[in-house]
Amino acid sequence: MVSHGTDYGYHQHLTGRTVPCSECRTAHAEAAARWRARAERGEPPEHGTLYGYRVYSCRCGGCRRANTTYQRAYRAARKASKEAL
């Protein structure tokens, strides 16, 4: 199930190989703008995010949970697409 109107929802669309809705595209653009602004100011990553886990190699509990959530959704989507064939 896609969480519409969120950056996470945007990525759920991509994982499920569907076109992101306009609400998710807007949320993703806003999140990307916030990340760019933080990077330009040299601020550390926001914890509890997949971006912090992957780009900054943060291994705090929140970033690990974000990665685990993403990986589970990714694997479930791949399994579902293989079963559909």
Protein backbone atom coordinates (compact mmCIF):
# COMPACT_ATOMS: atom_id res chain seq x y z
CA MET A 1 0.00 0.00 0.00
CA VAL A 2 1.36 3.41 -0.97
CA SER A 3 1.50 6.25 1.57
CA HIS A 4 0.25 9.02 -0.73
CA GLY A 5 1.55 12.55 -0.34
CA THR A 6 4.85 11.52 1.26
CA ASP A 7 8.43 11.12 0.09
CA TYR A 8 8.25 7.51 1.25
CA GLY A 9 5.14 7.09 -0.90
CA TYR A 10 7.10 8.34 -3.90
CA HIS A 11 9.66 5.60 -3.37
CA GLN A 12 6.92 3.02 -2.78
CA HIS A 13 5.56 3.87 -6.22
CA LEU A 14 8.98 3.29 -7.77
CA THR A 15 9.48 0.04 -5.86
CA GLY A 16 6.09 -1.16 -7.07
CA ARG A 17 6.95 0.02 -10.58
CA THR A 18 4.04 2.43 -10.80
CA VAL A 19 4.00 6.08 -11.82
CA PRO A 20 4.13 8.30 -8.70
CA CYS A 21 1.01 10.37 -8.08
CA SER A 22 1.23 14.17 -8.08
CA GLU A 23 1.04 14.35 -4.26
CA CYS A 24 4.01 11.98 -3.92
CA ARG A 25 6.00 13.82 -6.59
CA THR A 26 5.42 17.10 -4.74
CA ALA A 27 6.43 15.58 -1.40
CA HIS A 28 9.56 14.10 -2.97
CA ALA A 29 10.55 17.44 -4.53
CA GLU A 30 10.10 19.18 -1.17
CA ALA A 31 12.16 16.54 0.63
CA ALA A 32 14.92 16.78 -1.99
CA ALA A 33 14.99 20.57 -1.60
CA ARG A 34 15.33 20.23 2.18
CA TRP A 35 18.20 17.75 1.74
CA ARG A 36 20.00 20.01 -0.73
CA ALA A 37 19.65 22.98 1.63
CA ARG A 38 21.03 20.94 4.56
CA ALA A 39 23.93 19.68 2.46
CA GLU A 40 24.81 23.19 1.34
CA ARG A 41 24.91 24.31 4.97
CA GLY A 42 27.08 21.31 5.84
CA GLU A 43 24.59 19.91 8.37
CA PRO A 44 24.63 16.22 9.30
CA PRO A 45 21.84 13.93 8.05
CA GLU A 46 18.43 13.68 9.61
CA HIS A 47 18.40 10.45 11.59
CA GLY A 48 15.84 7.75 11.01
CA THR A 49 16.00 8.04 7.22
CA LEU A 50 17.08 5.76 4.42
CA TYR A 51 19.18 8.62 3.05
CA GLY A 52 21.10 8.89 6.30
CA TYR A 53 21.71 5.14 6.26
CA ARG A 54 22.87 4.95 2.65
CA VAL A 55 24.60 8.25 1.94
CA TYR A 56 26.03 9.10 5.35
CA SER A 57 26.53 5.48 6.48
CA CYS A 58 24.70 6.28 9.70
CA ARG A 59 23.94 3.14 11.67
CA CYS A 60 21.82 4.60 14.47
CA GLY A 61 18.67 2.67 15.38
CA GLY A 62 16.37 4.97 13.40
CA CYS A 63 18.42 4.79 10.21
CA ARG A 64 18.69 1.01 10.52
CA ARG A 65 14.90 0.76 10.91
CA ALA A 66 14.39 2.97 7.84
CA ASN A 67 16.67 0.70 5.80
CA THR A 68 14.96 -2.45 7.11
CA THR A 69 11.52 -1.06 6.23
CA TYR A 70 12.67 -0.18 2.74
CA GLN A 71 14.35 -3.55 2.17
CA ARG A 72 11.29 -5.48 3.30
CA ALA A 73 9.03 -3.50 0.98
CA TYR A 74 11.49 -3.90 -1.88
CA ARG A 75 11.76 -7.67 -1.40
CA ALA A 76 7.98 -8.06 -1.11
CA ALA A 77 7.48 -6.10 -4.33
CA ARG A 78 10.08 -8.21 -6.15
CA LYS A 79 8.52 -11.41 -4.87
CA ALA A 80 5.07 -10.26 -5.93
CA SER A 81 6.28 -9.33 -9.40
CA LYS A 82 7.97 -12.72 -9.84
CA GLU A 83 4.82 -14.54 -8.69
CA ALA A 84 2.74 -12.53 -11.17
CA LEU A 85 4.77 -13.92 -14.07
